Amino acid sequence: MDAAQISGPHQIRRRILWVQTFTIVWMTAEAGVALASAWKARSPALLGFGGDSLIELLSAAVVFWRFRDARVDERTEKRTAQIGGSLLFALAAFVVIASGAALLGYSEPRTSLAGIVLLLLAAMIMPWLAAEKRRLAAKTGSAALRADAAESALCGYLAWIALAGLVVNAVWRNHWTDPVAALCLTPFIAREGWEAIRGKTCC
């Protein structure tokens, strides 16, 4: 269905459910591959990206539930956003610890071709999803969908940052670039968590 042809409330709702279903399927695969690759390659950058993918999966599922069942109220959306924000803070702390261990020599990140391919795909797919969700949020006035669009956009930014770290590590064998890239992710993750707890969305 072309987004430009969407006009009626029923069509908009169907489009939202389709976009969220696609997001859930993609984020499930993305999180699984990222975390498995992070474990195999001991990559803090992939670990941070995979953890954020899990949060995005939760957010997409909540928005899907919101538009599948009209009885969901705003308090439920806000409560779920606060839970997601708390999880993001925990993720940021974990990434800092894992990155610190790598920088101190307790673990050495290895090249992950699967991780590089995944991040490249995510860097292309997530901006498209974010644009679709922003367009639909503007049509419906949904704060939950607007927040989910912000998380999708952030996931795209994180993919580029993590990809830079992994590529430099793979080409020049600079093992410190992977944990440094992971540390670059943490301010974005923490900001998203703070905005979610406050009930706002990142720009």
C-alpha atoms as a PDB file:
ATOM      1  CA  MET A   1       0.000   0.000   0.000  1.00  0.00           C
ATOM      2  CA  ASP A   2       1.472   3.374  -1.039  1.00  0.00           C
ATOM      3  CA  ALA A   3       1.696   5.790   1.906  1.00  0.00           C
ATOM      4  CA  ALA A   4       0.532   8.611  -0.360  1.00  0.00           C
ATOM      5  CA  GLN A   5      -2.762   6.783  -0.986  1.00  0.00           C
ATOM      6  CA  ILE A   6      -3.627   6.429   2.720  1.00  0.00           C
ATOM      7  CA  SER A   7      -6.525   8.681   3.684  1.00  0.00           C
ATOM      8  CA  GLY A   8      -9.247   7.014   5.799  1.00  0.00           C
ATOM      9  CA  PRO A   9      -8.854   6.065   9.486  1.00  0.00           C
ATOM     10  CA  HIS A  10      -9.233   2.359   8.685  1.00  0.00           C
ATOM     11  CA  GLN A  11      -6.473   2.515   6.046  1.00  0.00           C
ATOM     12  CA  ILE A  12      -4.195   4.427   8.424  1.00  0.00           C
ATOM     13  CA  ARG A  13      -4.750   1.875  11.182  1.00  0.00           C
ATOM     14  CA  ARG A  14      -4.046  -1.004   8.791  1.00  0.00           C
ATOM     15  CA  ARG A  15      -0.858   0.713   7.614  1.00  0.00           C
ATOM     16  CA  ILE A  16       0.290   1.255  11.209  1.00  0.00           C
ATOM     17  CA  LEU A  17      -0.313  -2.400  12.079  1.00  0.00           C
ATOM     18  CA  TRP A  18       1.600  -3.491   8.955  1.00  0.00           C
ATOM     19  CA  VAL A  19       4.552  -1.205   9.739  1.00  0.00           C
ATOM     20  CA  GLN A  20       4.636  -2.358  13.367  1.00  0.00           C
ATOM     21  CA  THR A  21       4.436  -6.032  12.343  1.00  0.00           C
ATOM     22  CA  PHE A  22       7.374  -5.524   9.999  1.00  0.00           C
ATOM     23  CA  THR A  23       9.246  -3.720  12.792  1.00  0.00           C
ATOM     24  CA  ILE A  24       8.621  -6.553  15.263  1.00  0.00           C
ATOM     25  CA  VAL A  25       9.836  -9.218  12.825  1.00  0.00           C
ATOM     26  CA  TRP A  26      12.899  -7.209  11.827  1.00  0.00           C
ATOM     27  CA  MET A  27      13.835  -6.193  15.386  1.00  0.00           C
ATOM     28  CA  THR A  28      13.528  -9.801  16.566  1.00  0.00           C
ATOM     29  CA  ALA A  29      15.984 -10.929  13.885  1.00  0.00           C
ATOM     30  CA  GLU A  30      18.197  -7.873  14.393  1.00  0.00           C
ATOM     31  CA  ALA A  31      18.466  -8.323  18.158  1.00  0.00           C
ATOM     32  CA  GLY A  32      19.123 -12.059  17.836  1.00  0.00           C
ATOM     33  CA  VAL A  33      21.886 -11.694  15.247  1.00  0.00           C
ATOM     34  CA  ALA A  34      23.453  -8.682  16.987  1.00  0.00           C
ATOM     35  CA  LEU A  35      23.598 -10.318  20.426  1.00  0.00           C
ATOM     36  CA  ALA A  36      24.834 -13.636  19.032  1.00  0.00           C
ATOM     37  CA  SER A  37      27.528 -11.825  17.036  1.00  0.00           C
ATOM     38  CA  ALA A  38      28.432  -9.725  20.087  1.00  0.00           C
ATOM     39  CA  TRP A  39      28.906 -12.873  22.164  1.00  0.00           C
ATOM     40  CA  LYS A  40      31.010 -14.583  19.495  1.00  0.00           C
ATOM     41  CA  ALA A  41      33.147 -11.530  18.666  1.00  0.00           C
ATOM     42  CA  ARG A  42      33.199 -10.069  22.205  1.00  0.00           C
ATOM     43  CA  SER A  43      32.051  -6.802  20.674  1.00  0.00           C
ATOM     44  CA  PRO A  44      30.781  -4.076  23.055  1.00  0.00           C
ATOM     45  CA  ALA A  45      29.467  -2.067  20.097  1.00  0.00           C
ATOM     46  CA  LEU A  46      27.325  -4.963  18.877  1.00  0.00           C
ATOM     47  CA  LEU A  47      26.223  -5.628  22.445  1.00  0.00           C
ATOM     48  CA  GLY A  48      24.983  -2.062  22.827  1.00  0.00           C
ATOM     49  CA  PHE A  49      23.259  -2.156  19.442  1.00  0.00           C
ATOM     50  CA  GLY A  50      21.602  -5.511  20.165  1.00  0.00           C
ATOM     51  CA  GLY A  51      20.368  -4.298  23.538  1.00  0.00           C
ATOM     52  CA  ASP A  52      18.851  -1.201  21.974  1.00  0.00           C
ATOM     53  CA  SER A  53      17.193  -3.469  19.392  1.00  0.00           C
ATOM     54  CA  LEU A  54      15.452  -5.322  22.227  1.00  0.00           C
ATOM     55  CA  ILE A  55      14.108  -2.029  23.580  1.00  0.00           C
ATOM     56  CA  GLU A  56      12.918  -1.050  20.106  1.00  0.00           C
ATOM     57  CA  LEU A  57      11.212  -4.459  19.831  1.00  0.00           C
ATOM     58  CA  LEU A  58       9.359  -3.787  23.086  1.00  0.00           C
ATOM     59  CA  SER A  59       8.342  -0.330  21.889  1.00  0.00           C
ATOM     60  CA  ALA A  60       7.073  -1.666  18.546  1.00  0.00           C
ATOM     61  CA  ALA A  61       5.042  -4.363  20.305  1.00  0.00           C
ATOM     62  CA  VAL A  62       3.423  -1.781  22.605  1.00  0.00           C
ATOM     63  CA  VAL A  63       2.448   0.447  19.677  1.00  0.00           C
ATOM     64  CA  PHE A  64       1.066  -2.564  17.810  1.00  0.00           C
ATOM     65  CA  TRP A  65      -1.009  -3.433  20.881  1.00  0.00           C
ATOM     66  CA  ARG A  66      -2.122   0.201  21.166  1.00  0.00           C
ATOM     67  CA  PHE A  67      -3.576   0.279  17.653  1.00  0.00           C
ATOM     68  CA  ARG A  68      -4.864  -3.290  17.730  1.00  0.00           C
ATOM     69  CA  ASP A  69      -6.916  -2.628  20.840  1.00  0.00           C
ATOM     70  CA  ALA A  70      -8.549   0.809  21.070  1.00  0.00           C
ATOM     71  CA  ARG A  71      -9.195   0.287  24.802  1.00  0.00           C
ATOM     72  CA  VAL A  72      -5.526   0.883  25.699  1.00  0.00           C
ATOM     73  CA  ASP A  73      -5.307   4.200  27.574  1.00  0.00           C
ATOM     74  CA  GLU A  74      -2.590   6.832  27.788  1.00  0.00           C
ATOM     75  CA  ARG A  75      -1.516   5.693  31.265  1.00  0.00           C
ATOM     76  CA  THR A  76      -0.556   2.306  29.844  1.00  0.00           C
ATOM     77  CA  GLU A  77       1.549   3.947  27.123  1.00  0.00           C
ATOM     78  CA  LYS A  78       3.300   6.180  29.659  1.00  0.00           C
ATOM     79  CA  ARG A  79       3.966   3.316  32.074  1.00  0.00           C
ATOM     80  CA  THR A  80       5.474   1.190  29.322  1.00  0.00           C
ATOM     81  CA  ALA A  81       7.656   4.090  28.176  1.00  0.00           C
ATOM     82  CA  GLN A  82       8.968   4.469  31.727  1.00  0.00           C
ATOM     83  CA  ILE A  83       9.821   0.767  31.900  1.00  0.00           C
ATOM     84  CA  GLY A  84      11.621   1.026  28.568  1.00  0.00           C
ATOM     85  CA  GLY A  85      13.526   4.081  29.800  1.00  0.00           C
ATOM     86  CA  SER A  86      14.719   2.224  32.903  1.00  0.00           C
ATOM     87  CA  LEU A  87      15.889  -0.677  30.745  1.00  0.00           C
ATOM     88  CA  LEU A  88      17.818   1.734  28.540  1.00  0.00           C
ATOM     89  CA  PHE A  89      19.670   3.137  31.550  1.00  0.00           C
ATOM     90  CA  ALA A  90      20.584  -0.399  32.621  1.00  0.00           C
ATOM     91  CA  LEU A  91      21.766  -1.110  29.070  1.00  0.00           C
ATOM     92  CA  ALA A  92      23.928   2.039  29.026  1.00  0.00           C
ATOM     93  CA  ALA A  93      25.592   1.014  32.294  1.00  0.00           C
ATOM     94  CA  PHE A  94      26.256  -2.496  30.979  1.00  0.00           C
ATOM     95  CA  VAL A  95      27.797  -1.162  27.760  1.00  0.00           C
ATOM     96  CA  VAL A  96      30.119   1.115  29.765  1.00  0.00           C
ATOM     97  CA  ILE A  97      31.285  -1.843  31.878  1.00  0.00           C
ATOM     98  CA  ALA A  98      31.837  -4.082  28.828  1.00  0.00           C
ATOM     99  CA  SER A  99      33.657  -1.307  26.960  1.00  0.00           C
ATOM    100  CA  GLY A 100      35.844  -0.561  29.973  1.00  0.00           C
ATOM    101  CA  ALA A 101      36.793  -4.251  30.227  1.00  0.00           C
ATOM    102  CA  ALA A 102      37.756  -4.283  26.537  1.00  0.00           C
ATOM    103  CA  LEU A 103      39.815  -1.078  26.804  1.00  0.00           C
ATOM    104  CA  LEU A 104      41.646  -2.437  29.870  1.00  0.00           C
ATOM    105  CA  GLY A 105      42.531  -5.609  27.980  1.00  0.00           C
ATOM    106  CA  TYR A 106      40.223  -8.051  29.782  1.00  0.00           C
ATOM    107  CA  SER A 107      38.581  -8.923  26.459  1.00  0.00           C
ATOM    108  CA  GLU A 108      39.633  -8.358  22.854  1.00  0.00           C
ATOM    109  CA  PRO A 109      36.914  -7.662  20.246  1.00  0.00           C
ATOM    110  CA  ARG A 110      37.226  -9.768  17.108  1.00  0.00           C
ATOM    111  CA  THR A 111      36.049  -9.104  13.550  1.00  0.00           C
ATOM    112  CA  SER A 112      32.384  -9.926  12.956  1.00  0.00           C
ATOM    113  CA  LEU A 113      31.346 -10.073   9.299  1.00  0.00           C
ATOM    114  CA  ALA A 114      27.793 -11.011  10.290  1.00  0.00           C
ATOM    115  CA  GLY A 115      27.682  -7.961  12.561  1.00  0.00           C
ATOM    116  CA  ILE A 116      28.933  -5.661   9.805  1.00  0.00           C
ATOM    117  CA  VAL A 117      26.308  -6.914   7.329  1.00  0.00           C
ATOM    118  CA  LEU A 118      23.563  -6.588   9.954  1.00  0.00           C
ATOM    119  CA  LEU A 119      24.549  -3.017  10.844  1.00  0.00           C
ATOM    120  CA  LEU A 120      24.669  -2.026   7.177  1.00  0.00           C
ATOM    121  CA  LEU A 121      21.148  -3.368   6.634  1.00  0.00           C
ATOM    122  CA  ALA A 122      19.882  -1.679   9.810  1.00  0.00           C
ATOM    123  CA  ALA A 123      21.417   1.642   8.741  1.00  0.00           C
ATOM    124  CA  MET A 124      19.259   1.517   5.594  1.00  0.00           C
ATOM    125  CA  ILE A 125      16.043  -0.017   6.959  1.00  0.00           C
ATOM    126  CA  MET A 126      15.608   1.918  10.215  1.00  0.00           C
ATOM    127  CA  PRO A 127      15.531   5.444   8.705  1.00  0.00           C
ATOM    128  CA  TRP A 128      12.799   4.287   6.321  1.00  0.00           C
ATOM    129  CA  LEU A 129      10.776   2.854   9.204  1.00  0.00           C
ATOM    130  CA  ALA A 130      11.263   6.046  11.213  1.00  0.00           C
ATOM    131  CA  ALA A 131       9.986   8.183   8.317  1.00  0.00           C
ATOM    132  CA  GLU A 132       6.917   5.971   7.866  1.00  0.00           C
ATOM    133  CA  LYS A 133       6.098   6.134  11.587  1.00  0.00           C
ATOM    134  CA  ARG A 134       6.526   9.919  11.707  1.00  0.00           C
ATOM    135  CA  ARG A 135       4.149  10.307   8.774  1.00  0.00           C
ATOM    136  CA  LEU A 136       1.549   8.051  10.392  1.00  0.00           C
ATOM    137  CA  ALA A 137       2.009   9.711  13.794  1.00  0.00           C
ATOM    138  CA  ALA A 138       1.249  13.061  12.181  1.00  0.00           C
ATOM    139  CA  LYS A 139      -1.969  11.631  10.754  1.00  0.00           C
ATOM    140  CA  THR A 140      -3.121  10.077  14.045  1.00  0.00           C
ATOM    141  CA  GLY A 141      -1.616  12.396  16.657  1.00  0.00           C
ATOM    142  CA  SER A 142      -0.323   9.343  18.547  1.00  0.00           C
ATOM    143  CA  ALA A 143       2.423  10.135  21.071  1.00  0.00           C
ATOM    144  CA  ALA A 144       3.289   6.439  21.346  1.00  0.00           C
ATOM    145  CA  LEU A 145       3.847   6.118  17.601  1.00  0.00           C
ATOM    146  CA  ARG A 146       5.838   9.360  17.571  1.00  0.00           C
ATOM    147  CA  ALA A 147       8.088   7.988  20.333  1.00  0.00           C
ATOM    148  CA  ASP A 148       8.499   4.722  18.445  1.00  0.00           C
ATOM    149  CA  ALA A 149       9.523   6.702  15.353  1.00  0.00           C
ATOM    150  CA  ALA A 150      12.204   8.454  17.430  1.00  0.00           C
ATOM    151  CA  GLU A 151      13.509   5.084  18.642  1.00  0.00           C
ATOM    152  CA  SER A 152      13.636   3.748  15.085  1.00  0.00           C
ATOM    153  CA  ALA A 153      15.594   6.824  13.983  1.00  0.00           C
ATOM    154  CA  LEU A 154      17.979   6.388  16.909  1.00  0.00           C
ATOM    155  CA  CYS A 155      18.491   2.740  15.985  1.00  0.00           C
ATOM    156  CA  GLY A 156      19.601   3.890  12.522  1.00  0.00           C
ATOM    157  CA  TYR A 157      22.098   6.365  14.026  1.00  0.00           C
ATOM    158  CA  LEU A 158      23.454   3.715  16.374  1.00  0.00           C
ATOM    159  CA  ALA A 159      23.921   1.338  13.446  1.00  0.00           C
ATOM    160  CA  TRP A 160      26.208   3.814  11.656  1.00  0.00           C
ATOM    161  CA  ILE A 161      28.259   4.490  14.806  1.00  0.00           C
ATOM    162  CA  ALA A 162      28.682   0.806  15.627  1.00  0.00           C
ATOM    163  CA  LEU A 163      29.411   0.004  11.964  1.00  0.00           C
ATOM    164  CA  ALA A 164      32.265   2.535  11.910  1.00  0.00           C
ATOM    165  CA  GLY A 165      33.841   0.887  14.950  1.00  0.00           C
ATOM    166  CA  LEU A 166      33.557  -2.631  13.547  1.00  0.00           C
ATOM    167  CA  VAL A 167      34.881  -1.703  10.089  1.00  0.00           C
ATOM    168  CA  VAL A 168      37.920   0.119  11.497  1.00  0.00           C
ATOM    169  CA  ASN A 169      38.619  -2.856  13.755  1.00  0.00           C
ATOM    170  CA  ALA A 170      38.286  -5.278  10.835  1.00  0.00           C
ATOM    171  CA  VAL A 171      40.495  -3.300   8.426  1.00  0.00           C
ATOM    172  CA  TRP A 172      43.204  -1.835  10.679  1.00  0.00           C
ATOM    173  CA  ARG A 173      42.965  -4.230  13.644  1.00  0.00           C
ATOM    174  CA  ASN A 174      42.559  -1.357  16.067  1.00  0.00           C
ATOM    175  CA  HIS A 175      40.775  -3.243  18.828  1.00  0.00           C
ATOM    176  CA  TRP A 176      40.114  -0.097  20.835  1.00  0.00           C
ATOM    177  CA  THR A 177      37.785   1.338  18.166  1.00  0.00           C
ATOM    178  CA  ASP A 178      35.019  -1.173  18.912  1.00  0.00           C
ATOM    179  CA  PRO A 179      34.661  -0.314  22.629  1.00  0.00           C
ATOM    180  CA  VAL A 180      35.122   3.406  21.846  1.00  0.00           C
ATOM    181  CA  ALA A 181      32.269   3.161  19.330  1.00  0.00           C
ATOM    182  CA  ALA A 182      30.199   1.437  22.007  1.00  0.00           C
ATOM    183  CA  LEU A 183      30.934   4.281  24.444  1.00  0.00           C
ATOM    184  CA  CYS A 184      29.773   6.723  21.756  1.00  0.00           C
ATOM    185  CA  LEU A 185      26.420   4.914  21.783  1.00  0.00           C
ATOM    186  CA  THR A 186      25.824   5.344  25.507  1.00  0.00           C
ATOM    187  CA  PRO A 187      24.907   9.076  25.511  1.00  0.00           C
ATOM    188  CA  PHE A 188      22.267   8.407  22.862  1.00  0.00           C
ATOM    189  CA  ILE A 189      20.938   5.388  24.759  1.00  0.00           C
ATOM    190  CA  ALA A 190      20.856   7.315  28.050  1.00  0.00           C
ATOM    191  CA  ARG A 191      19.181  10.309  26.410  1.00  0.00           C
ATOM    192  CA  GLU A 192      16.491   8.086  24.948  1.00  0.00           C
ATOM    193  CA  GLY A 193      15.979   6.489  28.352  1.00  0.00           C
ATOM    194  CA  TRP A 194      15.692   9.873  30.080  1.00  0.00           C
ATOM    195  CA  GLU A 195      13.207  11.191  27.510  1.00  0.00           C
ATOM    196  CA  ALA A 196      11.137   7.999  27.781  1.00  0.00           C
ATOM    197  CA  ILE A 197      10.955   8.239  31.591  1.00  0.00           C
ATOM    198  CA  ARG A 198       9.920  11.894  31.332  1.00  0.00           C
ATOM    199  CA  GLY A 199       7.254  10.959  28.814  1.00  0.00           C
ATOM    200  CA  LYS A 200       8.847  12.894  25.963  1.00  0.00           C
ATOM    201  CA  THR A 201      10.516  11.912  22.706  1.00  0.00           C
ATOM    202  CA  CYS A 202      13.915  12.771  21.287  1.00  0.00           C
ATOM    203  CA  CYS A 203      14.085  15.045  18.270  1.00  0.00           C
END
